[in-house]
PDB file of N, CA and C in Angstrom:
ATOM      1  N   MET A   1      -7.693  43.997  41.169  1.00  0.00           N
ATOM      2  CA  MET A   1      -9.482  43.602  41.004  1.00  0.00           C
ATOM      3  C   MET A   1      -9.809  42.337  42.120  1.00  0.00           C
ATOM      4  N   MET A   2     -11.139  42.595  42.312  1.00  0.00           N
ATOM      5  CA  MET A   2     -11.460  41.405  43.672  1.00  0.00           C
ATOM      6  C   MET A   2     -12.654  40.938  43.587  1.00  0.00           C
ATOM      7  N   ILE A   3     -13.065  39.835  43.740  1.00  0.00           N
ATOM      8  CA  ILE A   3     -14.422  39.486  43.659  1.00  0.00           C
ATOM      9  C   ILE A   3     -14.561  38.369  45.106  1.00  0.00           C
ATOM     10  N   GLU A   4     -15.222  38.808  45.989  1.00  0.00           N
ATOM     11  CA  GLU A   4     -15.402  38.251  47.335  1.00  0.00           C
ATOM     12  C   GLU A   4     -17.004  37.791  47.559  1.00  0.00           C
ATOM     13  N   THR A   5     -16.869  36.407  47.956  1.00  0.00           N
ATOM     14  CA  THR A   5     -18.054  35.558  48.125  1.00  0.00           C
ATOM     15  C   THR A   5     -18.174  35.443  50.051  1.00  0.00           C
ATOM     16  N   PRO A   6     -19.127  34.911  50.251  1.00  0.00           N
ATOM     17  CA  PRO A   6     -19.161  34.350  51.675  1.00  0.00           C
ATOM     18  C   PRO A   6     -17.988  33.698  52.192  1.00  0.00           C
ATOM     19  N   ASN A   7     -17.309  32.666  51.135  1.00  0.00           N
ATOM     20  CA  ASN A   7     -16.481  31.776  51.753  1.00  0.00           C
ATOM     21  C   ASN A   7     -14.881  31.916  50.880  1.00  0.00           C
ATOM     22  N   PHE A   8     -15.153  32.910  49.791  1.00  0.00           N
ATOM     23  CA  PHE A   8     -13.825  32.904  49.247  1.00  0.00           C
ATOM     24  C   PHE A   8     -13.489  34.509  48.540  1.00  0.00           C
ATOM     25  N   ARG A   9     -12.246  34.618  48.397  1.00  0.00           N
ATOM     26  CA  ARG A   9     -12.045  35.835  47.601  1.00  0.00           C
ATOM     27  C   ARG A   9     -10.883  35.597  46.755  1.00  0.00           C
ATOM     28  N   LEU A  10     -11.431  36.037  45.525  1.00  0.00           N
ATOM     29  CA  LEU A  10     -10.454  36.143  44.287  1.00  0.00           C
ATOM     30  C   LEU A  10     -10.001  37.357  43.785  1.00  0.00           C
ATOM     31  N   ARG A  11      -8.726  37.397  43.852  1.00  0.00           N
ATOM     32  CA  ARG A  11      -7.904  38.838  43.244  1.00  0.00           C
ATOM     33  C   ARG A  11      -6.834  38.492  42.690  1.00  0.00           C
ATOM     34  N   SER A  12      -6.316  39.850  42.050  1.00  0.00           N
ATOM     35  CA  SER A  12      -5.183  39.517  41.269  1.00  0.00           C
ATOM     36  C   SER A  12      -4.163  39.074  41.913  1.00  0.00           C
ATOM     37  N   PHE A  13      -3.079  38.590  41.181  1.00  0.00           N
ATOM     38  CA  PHE A  13      -1.682  38.154  41.967  1.00  0.00           C
ATOM     39  C   PHE A  13      -1.056  39.534  41.918  1.00  0.00           C
ATOM     40  N   VAL A  14      -0.341  39.308  43.191  1.00  0.00           N
ATOM     41  CA  VAL A  14       0.815  40.470  43.435  1.00  0.00           C
ATOM     42  C   VAL A  14       2.032  39.988  44.207  1.00  0.00           C
ATOM     43  N   PRO A  15       3.078  40.700  43.783  1.00  0.00           N
ATOM     44  CA  PRO A  15       4.422  39.919  44.143  1.00  0.00           C
ATOM     45  C   PRO A  15       4.717  39.094  45.333  1.00  0.00           C
ATOM     46  N   ASP A  16       3.875  39.565  46.413  1.00  0.00           N
ATOM     47  CA  ASP A  16       4.052  38.996  47.558  1.00  0.00           C
ATOM     48  C   ASP A  16       3.409  37.465  47.902  1.00  0.00           C
ATOM     49  N   ASP A  17       2.645  37.318  46.712  1.00  0.00           N
ATOM     50  CA  ASP A  17       2.118  35.859  46.444  1.00  0.00           C
ATOM     51  C   ASP A  17       2.915  34.848  46.032  1.00  0.00           C
ATOM     52  N   LEU A  18       4.177  35.224  45.746  1.00  0.00           N
ATOM     53  CA  LEU A  18       5.585  34.211  45.251  1.00  0.00           C
ATOM     54  C   LEU A  18       5.497  32.991  46.316  1.00  0.00           C
ATOM     55  N   ASP A  19       5.659  33.426  47.432  1.00  0.00           N
ATOM     56  CA  ASP A  19       5.916  31.962  48.442  1.00  0.00           C
ATOM     57  C   ASP A  19       5.008  31.229  48.531  1.00  0.00           C
ATOM     58  N   ASP A  20       3.924  31.803  48.684  1.00  0.00           N
ATOM     59  CA  ASP A  20       2.493  30.699  48.945  1.00  0.00           C
ATOM     60  C   ASP A  20       1.972  30.242  47.401  1.00  0.00           C
ATOM     61  N   TYR A  21       2.337  30.873  46.376  1.00  0.00           N
ATOM     62  CA  TYR A  21       2.122  30.099  45.080  1.00  0.00           C
ATOM     63  C   TYR A  21       3.188  28.796  45.033  1.00  0.00           C
ATOM     64  N   TYR A  22       4.087  29.418  45.179  1.00  0.00           N
ATOM     65  CA  TYR A  22       5.426  28.222  45.235  1.00  0.00           C
ATOM     66  C   TYR A  22       5.125  27.152  46.153  1.00  0.00           C
ATOM     67  N   THR A  23       4.825  27.306  47.325  1.00  0.00           N
ATOM     68  CA  THR A  23       4.794  26.395  48.347  1.00  0.00           C
ATOM     69  C   THR A  23       3.148  25.546  47.809  1.00  0.00           C
ATOM     70  N   GLN A  24       2.441  25.943  47.471  1.00  0.00           N
ATOM     71  CA  GLN A  24       0.975  25.254  47.734  1.00  0.00           C
ATOM     72  C   GLN A  24       0.642  24.975  46.098  1.00  0.00           C
ATOM     73  N   VAL A  25       1.232  25.455  45.141  1.00  0.00           N
ATOM     74  CA  VAL A  25       1.246  24.839  43.717  1.00  0.00           C
ATOM     75  C   VAL A  25       2.586  24.720  43.022  1.00  0.00           C
ATOM     76  N   TYR A  26       3.177  25.312  42.585  1.00  0.00           N
ATOM     77  CA  TYR A  26       4.498  24.873  41.777  1.00  0.00           C
ATOM     78  C   TYR A  26       5.365  24.144  42.594  1.00  0.00           C
ATOM     79  N   GLY A  27       5.392  24.202  43.947  1.00  0.00           N
ATOM     80  CA  GLY A  27       6.209  23.336  44.645  1.00  0.00           C
ATOM     81  C   GLY A  27       5.955  21.852  44.698  1.00  0.00           C
ATOM     82  N   ASP A  28       4.398  21.909  44.980  1.00  0.00           N
ATOM     83  CA  ASP A  28       3.837  20.712  45.314  1.00  0.00           C
ATOM     84  C   ASP A  28       3.784  19.533  44.416  1.00  0.00           C
ATOM     85  N   ALA A  29       4.370  18.504  44.416  1.00  0.00           N
ATOM     86  CA  ALA A  29       4.602  17.456  43.505  1.00  0.00           C
ATOM     87  C   ALA A  29       3.055  16.709  43.351  1.00  0.00           C
ATOM     88  N   ASP A  30       1.869  16.554  44.323  1.00  0.00           N
ATOM     89  CA  ASP A  30       0.923  16.192  44.685  1.00  0.00           C
ATOM     90  C   ASP A  30      -0.166  17.292  43.477  1.00  0.00           C
ATOM     91  N   VAL A  31      -0.021  18.533  43.383  1.00  0.00           N
ATOM     92  CA  VAL A  31      -0.841  19.461  42.725  1.00  0.00           C
ATOM     93  C   VAL A  31      -0.030  19.465  41.463  1.00  0.00           C
ATOM     94  N   MET A  32       1.135  19.366  41.162  1.00  0.00           N
ATOM     95  CA  MET A  32       1.804  19.478  39.984  1.00  0.00           C
ATOM     96  C   MET A  32       1.297  18.304  39.141  1.00  0.00           C
ATOM     97  N   ARG A  33       1.341  17.106  39.520  1.00  0.00           N
ATOM     98  CA  ARG A  33       0.927  15.832  38.759  1.00  0.00           C
ATOM     99  C   ARG A  33      -0.216  15.954  37.925  1.00  0.00           C
ATOM    100  N   TYR A  34      -1.022  16.914  38.009  1.00  0.00           N
ATOM    101  CA  TYR A  34      -2.335  17.205  37.365  1.00  0.00           C
ATOM    102  C   TYR A  34      -2.001  18.347  36.350  1.00  0.00           C
ATOM    103  N   ILE A  35      -0.672  18.866  36.431  1.00  0.00           N
ATOM    104  CA  ILE A  35      -0.582  20.343  35.579  1.00  0.00           C
ATOM    105  C   ILE A  35       0.754  20.437  35.023  1.00  0.00           C
ATOM    106  N   SER A  36       0.573  20.880  33.690  1.00  0.00           N
ATOM    107  CA  SER A  36       1.882  21.035  33.000  1.00  0.00           C
ATOM    108  C   SER A  36       3.202  20.053  32.815  1.00  0.00           C
ATOM    109  N   GLY A  37       2.658  18.552  32.656  1.00  0.00           N
ATOM    110  CA  GLY A  37       3.903  17.692  32.886  1.00  0.00           C
ATOM    111  C   GLY A  37       4.086  17.090  33.803  1.00  0.00           C
ATOM    112  N   GLY A  38       3.143  17.172  35.242  1.00  0.00           N
ATOM    113  CA  GLY A  38       3.285  16.430  36.180  1.00  0.00           C
ATOM    114  C   GLY A  38       4.631  16.755  37.434  1.00  0.00           C
ATOM    115  N   GLN A  39       5.427  17.586  36.906  1.00  0.00           N
ATOM    116  CA  GLN A  39       6.705  18.082  37.802  1.00  0.00           C
ATOM    117  C   GLN A  39       6.796  19.063  38.521  1.00  0.00           C
ATOM    118  N   PRO A  40       7.042  19.311  39.651  1.00  0.00           N
ATOM    119  CA  PRO A  40       7.365  20.335  40.616  1.00  0.00           C
ATOM    120  C   PRO A  40       8.172  21.411  39.769  1.00  0.00           C
ATOM    121  N   ARG A  41       7.907  22.860  39.967  1.00  0.00           N
ATOM    122  CA  ARG A  41       8.814  23.762  39.068  1.00  0.00           C
ATOM    123  C   ARG A  41       9.514  24.362  40.295  1.00  0.00           C
ATOM    124  N   ASN A  42      10.513  24.977  39.922  1.00  0.00           N
ATOM    125  CA  ASN A  42      11.587  25.650  41.139  1.00  0.00           C
ATOM    126  C   ASN A  42      10.657  26.905  41.245  1.00  0.00           C
ATOM    127  N   ARG A  43      11.300  27.866  42.271  1.00  0.00           N
ATOM    128  CA  ARG A  43      10.816  29.145  42.728  1.00  0.00           C
ATOM    129  C   ARG A  43      11.262  30.232  41.590  1.00  0.00           C
ATOM    130  N   GLU A  44      12.103  30.229  40.751  1.00  0.00           N
ATOM    131  CA  GLU A  44      12.391  30.674  39.877  1.00  0.00           C
ATOM    132  C   GLU A  44      11.312  30.817  38.571  1.00  0.00           C
ATOM    133  N   ARG A  45      11.102  29.426  38.463  1.00  0.00           N
ATOM    134  CA  ARG A  45      10.168  29.488  37.379  1.00  0.00           C
ATOM    135  C   ARG A  45       8.958  29.786  37.762  1.00  0.00           C
ATOM    136  N   THR A  46       8.315  29.642  39.252  1.00  0.00           N
ATOM    137  CA  THR A  46       7.011  30.395  39.808  1.00  0.00           C
ATOM    138  C   THR A  46       7.245  31.623  39.440  1.00  0.00           C
ATOM    139  N   ASN A  47       8.221  32.152  39.722  1.00  0.00           N
ATOM    140  CA  ASN A  47       8.273  33.761  39.877  1.00  0.00           C
ATOM    141  C   ASN A  47       8.050  34.048  38.182  1.00  0.00           C
ATOM    142  N   ASP A  48       8.421  33.435  37.366  1.00  0.00           N
ATOM    143  CA  ASP A  48       8.332  33.671  35.762  1.00  0.00           C
ATOM    144  C   ASP A  48       7.033  33.672  35.493  1.00  0.00           C
ATOM    145  N   VAL A  49       6.063  32.386  36.076  1.00  0.00           N
ATOM    146  CA  VAL A  49       4.548  32.800  35.983  1.00  0.00           C
ATOM    147  C   VAL A  49       3.927  33.730  36.630  1.00  0.00           C
ATOM    148  N   LEU A  50       3.987  34.085  37.728  1.00  0.00           N
ATOM    149  CA  LEU A  50       3.451  34.941  38.341  1.00  0.00           C
ATOM    150  C   LEU A  50       3.739  36.421  37.633  1.00  0.00           C
ATOM    151  N   THR A  51       4.811  36.882  37.367  1.00  0.00           N
ATOM    152  CA  THR A  51       5.217  37.895  36.623  1.00  0.00           C
ATOM    153  C   THR A  51       4.546  38.050  35.293  1.00  0.00           C
ATOM    154  N   PHE A  52       4.404  36.678  34.642  1.00  0.00           N
ATOM    155  CA  PHE A  52       3.408  37.000  33.394  1.00  0.00           C
ATOM    156  C   PHE A  52       2.191  37.069  33.115  1.00  0.00           C
ATOM    157  N   ALA A  53       1.674  36.542  34.558  1.00  0.00           N
ATOM    158  CA  ALA A  53       0.121  36.784  34.912  1.00  0.00           C
ATOM    159  C   ALA A  53      -0.143  38.144  35.269  1.00  0.00           C
ATOM    160  N   MET A  54       0.768  38.806  35.799  1.00  0.00           N
ATOM    161  CA  MET A  54       0.354  40.369  36.254  1.00  0.00           C
ATOM    162  C   MET A  54       0.817  41.254  35.192  1.00  0.00           C
ATOM    163  N   ARG A  55       1.752  40.834  34.446  1.00  0.00           N
ATOM    164  CA  ARG A  55       1.674  41.563  32.943  1.00  0.00           C
ATOM    165  C   ARG A  55       0.735  41.337  32.114  1.00  0.00           C
ATOM    166  N   HIS A  56       0.055  40.302  32.080  1.00  0.00           N
ATOM    167  CA  HIS A  56      -0.711  39.881  31.075  1.00  0.00           C
ATOM    168  C   HIS A  56      -1.963  40.683  31.902  1.00  0.00           C
ATOM    169  N   GLU A  57      -2.494  40.492  32.810  1.00  0.00           N
ATOM    170  CA  GLU A  57      -3.636  41.343  33.494  1.00  0.00           C
ATOM    171  C   GLU A  57      -3.907  42.670  33.111  1.00  0.00           C
ATOM    172  N   LYS A  58      -2.409  43.370  33.276  1.00  0.00           N
ATOM    173  CA  LYS A  58      -2.103  45.065  33.254  1.00  0.00           C
ATOM    174  C   LYS A  58      -2.101  45.191  31.767  1.00  0.00           C
ATOM    175  N   THR A  59      -1.782  44.503  30.631  1.00  0.00           N
ATOM    176  CA  THR A  59      -1.942  44.703  29.215  1.00  0.00           C
ATOM    177  C   THR A  59      -3.125  44.316  28.667  1.00  0.00           C
ATOM    178  N   TYR A  60      -3.828  43.071  29.165  1.00  0.00           N
ATOM    179  CA  TYR A  60      -5.189  42.697  28.398  1.00  0.00           C
ATOM    180  C   TYR A  60      -6.357  42.780  29.218  1.00  0.00           C
ATOM    181  N   GLY A  61      -6.105  42.884  30.774  1.00  0.00           N
ATOM    182  CA  GLY A  61      -7.081  43.285  31.616  1.00  0.00           C
ATOM    183  C   GLY A  61      -7.729  41.917  32.231  1.00  0.00           C
ATOM    184  N   TYR A  62      -7.476  40.719  31.940  1.00  0.00           N
ATOM    185  CA  TYR A  62      -7.669  39.250  32.513  1.00  0.00           C
ATOM    186  C   TYR A  62      -6.432  38.685  32.850  1.00  0.00           C
ATOM    187  N   SER A  63      -6.482  37.528  33.504  1.00  0.00           N
ATOM    188  CA  SER A  63      -5.295  36.753  33.861  1.00  0.00           C
ATOM    189  C   SER A  63      -5.693  35.728  34.667  1.00  0.00           C
ATOM    190  N   ILE A  64      -4.951  34.781  35.397  1.00  0.00           N
ATOM    191  CA  ILE A  64      -5.280  33.824  36.268  1.00  0.00           C
ATOM    192  C   ILE A  64      -5.190  34.799  37.816  1.00  0.00           C
ATOM    193  N   TRP A  65      -5.895  34.361  38.491  1.00  0.00           N
ATOM    194  CA  TRP A  65      -6.061  35.023  40.095  1.00  0.00           C
ATOM    195  C   TRP A  65      -5.832  34.103  41.199  1.00  0.00           C
ATOM    196  N   ALA A  66      -5.586  34.887  42.186  1.00  0.00           N
ATOM    197  CA  ALA A  66      -5.172  34.104  43.677  1.00  0.00           C
ATOM    198  C   ALA A  66      -6.699  33.647  44.210  1.00  0.00           C
ATOM    199  N   LEU A  67      -6.805  32.483  44.662  1.00  0.00           N
ATOM    200  CA  LEU A  67      -8.179  32.216  45.448  1.00  0.00           C
ATOM    201  C   LEU A  67      -7.804  32.261  46.839  1.00  0.00           C
ATOM    202  N   LEU A  68      -8.473  32.728  47.611  1.00  0.00           N
ATOM    203  CA  LEU A  68      -8.151  32.501  49.118  1.00  0.00           C
ATOM    204  C   LEU A  68      -9.675  32.349  49.969  1.00  0.00           C
ATOM    205  N   SER A  69      -9.413  31.201  50.657  1.00  0.00           N
ATOM    206  CA  SER A  69     -10.377  31.036  51.641  1.00  0.00           C
ATOM    207  C   SER A  69     -10.465  32.068  52.686  1.00  0.00           C
ATOM    208  N   ARG A  70     -11.948  32.351  53.136  1.00  0.00           N
ATOM    209  CA  ARG A  70     -11.950  33.112  54.232  1.00  0.00           C
ATOM    210  C   ARG A  70     -11.847  32.353  55.761  1.00  0.00           C
TER     211      ARG A  70
END
């Protein structure tokens, strides 16, 4: 599923998003200080979160999405 605007694209996560999600969110200390206890997470934990999100969307029809700038 995808939503597009002139500036952004929102879409469901896919397995290929792991590296970017880890680098830009879960592995970034500046980002993580505002999320879930404030500590960066390892790549394995990031994979667990993405796997959960994709499974949740398949099961329930909604989940967190990837936000991409154009």
